[in-house]
């Protein structure tokens, strides 16, 4: 098994940040489930606080990747947005 220094030499900053973002997405998904299905109010509050922290970390990672040009997001097509608005505004 490689030591952390060897891994850092193999993986670049982009790959490390991408891996961190993937991990954060999994963490937030899990904490969201835990908070939503928790019976104890105090424990639910703790999970929600942790979830908020994890979302901030995820947003920071995303912004870092995006600012370096490593995570490109395409703007939404305005016609598709309008079509979705019309579709959902007519539903009861």
N, C-alpha and C. Protein backbone atom coordinates (compact mmCIF):
# COMPACT_ATOMS: atom_id res chain seq x y z
N UNK A 1 0.84 -1.18 0.00
CA UNK A 1 0.00 0.00 0.00
C UNK A 1 0.89 1.24 0.00
N UNK A 2 0.55 2.20 -0.79
CA UNK A 2 1.35 3.42 -0.90
C UNK A 2 1.12 4.32 0.31
N UNK A 3 2.17 5.04 0.69
CA UNK A 3 1.99 5.99 1.79
C UNK A 3 1.40 7.28 1.24
N UNK A 4 0.88 8.17 2.12
CA UNK A 4 0.22 9.39 1.66
C UNK A 4 1.08 10.27 0.76
N UNK A 5 2.38 10.32 1.03
CA UNK A 5 3.26 11.15 0.19
C UNK A 5 3.34 10.62 -1.23
N UNK A 6 3.36 9.28 -1.38
CA UNK A 6 3.39 8.70 -2.72
C UNK A 6 2.08 8.97 -3.44
N UNK A 7 0.95 8.89 -2.73
CA UNK A 7 -0.35 9.16 -3.35
C UNK A 7 -0.42 10.60 -3.84
N UNK A 8 0.11 11.52 -3.04
CA UNK A 8 0.08 12.92 -3.42
C UNK A 8 0.90 13.14 -4.69
N UNK A 9 1.94 12.34 -4.88
CA UNK A 9 2.75 12.47 -6.08
C UNK A 9 2.05 11.88 -7.29
N UNK A 10 1.21 10.88 -7.06
CA UNK A 10 0.49 10.23 -8.16
C UNK A 10 -0.72 11.07 -8.58
N UNK A 11 -1.44 11.58 -7.59
CA UNK A 11 -2.64 12.36 -7.86
C UNK A 11 -2.31 13.84 -7.85
N UNK A 12 -2.86 14.55 -8.82
CA UNK A 12 -2.69 15.99 -8.83
C UNK A 12 -3.76 16.67 -8.01
N UNK A 13 -3.65 17.98 -7.89
CA UNK A 13 -4.63 18.75 -7.11
C UNK A 13 -6.05 18.54 -7.65
N UNK A 14 -6.19 18.52 -8.96
CA UNK A 14 -7.51 18.34 -9.57
C UNK A 14 -8.13 17.01 -9.14
N UNK A 15 -7.37 15.93 -9.22
CA UNK A 15 -7.90 14.62 -8.87
C UNK A 15 -8.23 14.51 -7.38
N UNK A 16 -7.40 15.11 -6.56
CA UNK A 16 -7.65 15.09 -5.12
C UNK A 16 -8.93 15.85 -4.80
N UNK A 17 -9.10 17.04 -5.39
CA UNK A 17 -10.31 17.83 -5.14
C UNK A 17 -11.55 17.12 -5.69
N UNK A 18 -11.43 16.49 -6.85
CA UNK A 18 -12.57 15.75 -7.40
C UNK A 18 -12.97 14.61 -6.46
N UNK A 19 -11.97 13.90 -5.93
CA UNK A 19 -12.26 12.81 -5.00
C UNK A 19 -12.91 13.35 -3.73
N UNK A 20 -12.43 14.47 -3.25
CA UNK A 20 -13.03 15.09 -2.05
C UNK A 20 -14.48 15.48 -2.31
N UNK A 21 -14.75 16.05 -3.49
CA UNK A 21 -16.12 16.46 -3.82
C UNK A 21 -17.05 15.24 -3.88
N UNK A 22 -16.58 14.18 -4.49
CA UNK A 22 -17.39 12.95 -4.56
C UNK A 22 -17.68 12.45 -3.14
N UNK A 23 -16.67 12.47 -2.28
CA UNK A 23 -16.85 12.03 -0.89
C UNK A 23 -17.85 12.92 -0.16
N UNK A 24 -17.76 14.22 -0.38
CA UNK A 24 -18.69 15.15 0.28
C UNK A 24 -20.13 14.91 -0.19
N UNK A 25 -20.30 14.61 -1.45
CA UNK A 25 -21.64 14.33 -1.96
C UNK A 25 -22.22 13.10 -1.26
N UNK A 26 -21.38 12.09 -1.07
CA UNK A 26 -21.84 10.87 -0.39
C UNK A 26 -22.15 11.15 1.08
N UNK A 27 -21.30 11.95 1.73
CA UNK A 27 -21.52 12.29 3.13
C UNK A 27 -22.82 13.06 3.31
N UNK A 28 -23.04 14.07 2.48
CA UNK A 28 -24.26 14.87 2.63
C UNK A 28 -25.49 14.02 2.36
N UNK A 29 -25.40 13.10 1.43
CA UNK A 29 -26.52 12.21 1.16
C UNK A 29 -26.84 11.36 2.39
N UNK A 30 -25.80 10.83 3.00
CA UNK A 30 -25.99 10.00 4.19
C UNK A 30 -26.55 10.81 5.37
N UNK A 31 -25.94 11.96 5.65
CA UNK A 31 -26.43 12.77 6.77
C UNK A 31 -27.85 13.25 6.52
N UNK A 32 -28.21 13.51 5.29
CA UNK A 32 -29.58 13.91 4.98
C UNK A 32 -30.55 12.78 5.34
N UNK A 33 -30.18 11.56 4.99
CA UNK A 33 -31.03 10.41 5.34
C UNK A 33 -31.11 10.24 6.85
N UNK A 34 -29.97 10.32 7.53
CA UNK A 34 -29.96 10.16 8.98
C UNK A 34 -30.86 11.20 9.65
N UNK A 35 -30.72 12.46 9.22
CA UNK A 35 -31.51 13.53 9.84
C UNK A 35 -33.00 13.35 9.56
N UNK A 36 -33.32 12.95 8.36
CA UNK A 36 -34.72 12.78 7.98
C UNK A 36 -35.40 11.61 8.66
N UNK A 37 -34.63 10.61 9.04
CA UNK A 37 -35.22 9.41 9.62
C UNK A 37 -34.90 9.25 11.10
N UNK A 38 -34.41 10.30 11.74
CA UNK A 38 -34.03 10.24 13.14
C UNK A 38 -35.24 10.50 14.04
N UNK A 39 -35.43 9.68 15.05
CA UNK A 39 -36.57 9.82 15.95
C UNK A 39 -36.27 10.79 17.09
N UNK A 40 -35.03 10.85 17.51
CA UNK A 40 -34.63 11.70 18.62
C UNK A 40 -34.36 13.12 18.12
N UNK A 41 -35.08 14.09 18.69
CA UNK A 41 -34.98 15.48 18.22
C UNK A 41 -33.57 16.06 18.41
N UNK A 42 -32.94 15.75 19.54
CA UNK A 42 -31.59 16.28 19.78
C UNK A 42 -30.60 15.70 18.78
N UNK A 43 -30.72 14.42 18.52
CA UNK A 43 -29.83 13.79 17.56
C UNK A 43 -30.11 14.32 16.16
N UNK A 44 -31.39 14.53 15.83
CA UNK A 44 -31.74 15.11 14.53
C UNK A 44 -31.10 16.49 14.37
N UNK A 45 -31.17 17.30 15.43
CA UNK A 45 -30.55 18.62 15.39
C UNK A 45 -29.06 18.54 15.16
N UNK A 46 -28.42 17.58 15.80
CA UNK A 46 -26.97 17.40 15.62
C UNK A 46 -26.67 17.00 14.19
N UNK A 47 -27.46 16.07 13.65
CA UNK A 47 -27.26 15.67 12.25
C UNK A 47 -27.46 16.84 11.30
N UNK A 48 -28.47 17.67 11.56
CA UNK A 48 -28.72 18.82 10.70
C UNK A 48 -27.57 19.82 10.76
N UNK A 49 -26.99 20.02 11.95
CA UNK A 49 -25.83 20.91 12.07
C UNK A 49 -24.64 20.36 11.29
N UNK A 50 -24.41 19.07 11.42
CA UNK A 50 -23.32 18.43 10.68
C UNK A 50 -23.59 18.53 9.17
N UNK A 51 -24.83 18.29 8.77
CA UNK A 51 -25.20 18.37 7.36
C UNK A 51 -24.93 19.76 6.80
N UNK A 52 -25.26 20.79 7.58
CA UNK A 52 -24.99 22.16 7.15
C UNK A 52 -23.50 22.39 6.95
N UNK A 53 -22.69 21.91 7.89
CA UNK A 53 -21.23 22.03 7.76
C UNK A 53 -20.73 21.29 6.51
N UNK A 54 -21.24 20.09 6.31
CA UNK A 54 -20.80 19.30 5.16
C UNK A 54 -21.20 19.96 3.84
N UNK A 55 -22.37 20.61 3.80
CA UNK A 55 -22.77 21.32 2.59
C UNK A 55 -21.85 22.51 2.31
N UNK A 56 -21.42 23.18 3.36
CA UNK A 56 -20.47 24.29 3.17
C UNK A 56 -19.14 23.79 2.62
N UNK A 57 -18.67 22.68 3.15
CA UNK A 57 -17.42 22.10 2.66
C UNK A 57 -17.58 21.71 1.19
N UNK A 58 -18.72 21.09 0.87
CA UNK A 58 -18.97 20.68 -0.51
C UNK A 58 -19.00 21.90 -1.43
N UNK A 59 -19.65 22.97 -1.00
CA UNK A 59 -19.71 24.18 -1.82
C UNK A 59 -18.32 24.78 -2.02
N UNK A 60 -17.50 24.77 -0.98
CA UNK A 60 -16.13 25.29 -1.10
C UNK A 60 -15.32 24.46 -2.11
N UNK A 61 -15.46 23.15 -2.03
CA UNK A 61 -14.76 22.28 -2.98
C UNK A 61 -15.23 22.55 -4.41
N UNK A 62 -16.54 22.65 -4.57
CA UNK A 62 -17.11 22.92 -5.89
C UNK A 62 -16.57 24.24 -6.45
N UNK A 63 -16.60 25.28 -5.62
CA UNK A 63 -16.11 26.59 -6.07
C UNK A 63 -14.64 26.55 -6.45
N UNK A 64 -13.85 25.81 -5.67
CA UNK A 64 -12.43 25.67 -5.96
C UNK A 64 -12.23 24.97 -7.30
N UNK A 65 -12.93 23.87 -7.51
CA UNK A 65 -12.82 23.15 -8.79
C UNK A 65 -13.28 24.02 -9.95
N UNK A 66 -14.39 24.71 -9.76
CA UNK A 66 -14.94 25.54 -10.84
C UNK A 66 -14.02 26.72 -11.16
N UNK A 67 -13.46 27.34 -10.13
CA UNK A 67 -12.59 28.50 -10.37
C UNK A 67 -11.31 28.11 -11.09
N UNK A 68 -10.90 26.85 -10.96
CA UNK A 68 -9.72 26.36 -11.68
C UNK A 68 -10.06 25.80 -13.06
N UNK A 69 -11.35 25.83 -13.40
CA UNK A 69 -11.76 25.32 -14.71
C UNK A 69 -11.85 23.80 -14.76
N UNK A 70 -11.91 23.15 -13.60
CA UNK A 70 -11.93 21.69 -13.54
C UNK A 70 -13.33 21.12 -13.39
N UNK A 71 -14.32 21.97 -13.22
CA UNK A 71 -15.72 21.51 -13.08
C UNK A 71 -16.59 22.52 -13.81
N UNK A 72 -16.88 22.20 -15.04
CA UNK A 72 -17.65 23.11 -15.87
C UNK A 72 -19.15 22.79 -15.77
N UNK A 73 -19.94 23.81 -15.56
CA UNK A 73 -21.39 23.66 -15.50
C UNK A 73 -21.97 24.44 -16.67
N UNK A 74 -22.77 23.74 -17.46
CA UNK A 74 -23.40 24.41 -18.60
C UNK A 74 -24.62 25.17 -18.14
N UNK A 75 -24.81 26.39 -18.65
CA UNK A 75 -26.01 27.14 -18.29
C UNK A 75 -27.26 26.44 -18.81
N UNK A 76 -28.33 26.56 -18.07
CA UNK A 76 -29.58 25.91 -18.46
C UNK A 76 -30.17 26.61 -19.69
N UNK A 77 -30.74 25.82 -20.56
CA UNK A 77 -31.41 26.34 -21.75
C UNK A 77 -32.70 27.04 -21.31
N UNK A 78 -32.84 28.31 -21.65
CA UNK A 78 -34.00 29.09 -21.22
C UNK A 78 -35.32 28.53 -21.72
N UNK A 79 -35.33 27.94 -22.90
CA UNK A 79 -36.55 27.34 -23.43
C UNK A 79 -36.98 26.15 -22.57
N UNK A 80 -36.02 25.34 -22.14
CA UNK A 80 -36.33 24.19 -21.29
C UNK A 80 -36.85 24.65 -19.92
N UNK A 81 -36.28 25.72 -19.40
CA UNK A 81 -36.74 26.26 -18.12
C UNK A 81 -38.19 26.72 -18.24
N UNK A 82 -38.47 27.46 -19.29
CA UNK A 82 -39.83 27.97 -19.50
C UNK A 82 -40.82 26.82 -19.68
N UNK A 83 -40.42 25.80 -20.42
CA UNK A 83 -41.29 24.64 -20.65
C UNK A 83 -41.58 23.93 -19.32
N UNK A 84 -40.57 23.78 -18.48
CA UNK A 84 -40.76 23.14 -17.18
C UNK A 84 -41.67 23.98 -16.29
N UNK A 85 -41.51 25.30 -16.33
CA UNK A 85 -42.39 26.19 -15.55
C UNK A 85 -43.84 26.02 -15.96
N UNK A 86 -44.07 26.01 -17.26
CA UNK A 86 -45.43 25.85 -17.76
C UNK A 86 -46.01 24.50 -17.36
N UNK A 87 -45.20 23.47 -17.47
CA UNK A 87 -45.66 22.12 -17.13
C UNK A 87 -46.09 22.03 -15.67
N UNK A 88 -45.27 22.56 -14.77
CA UNK A 88 -45.54 22.41 -13.34
C UNK A 88 -46.52 23.46 -12.81
N UNK A 89 -46.67 24.56 -13.51
CA UNK A 89 -47.62 25.58 -13.03
C UNK A 89 -49.07 25.19 -13.33
N UNK A 90 -49.26 24.27 -14.27
CA UNK A 90 -50.62 23.84 -14.62
C UNK A 90 -51.07 22.64 -13.80
N UNK A 91 -50.16 22.04 -13.06
CA UNK A 91 -50.53 20.88 -12.23
C UNK A 91 -51.20 21.34 -10.94
N UNK A 92 -52.21 20.58 -10.48
CA UNK A 92 -52.92 20.96 -9.26
C UNK A 92 -52.08 20.83 -8.01
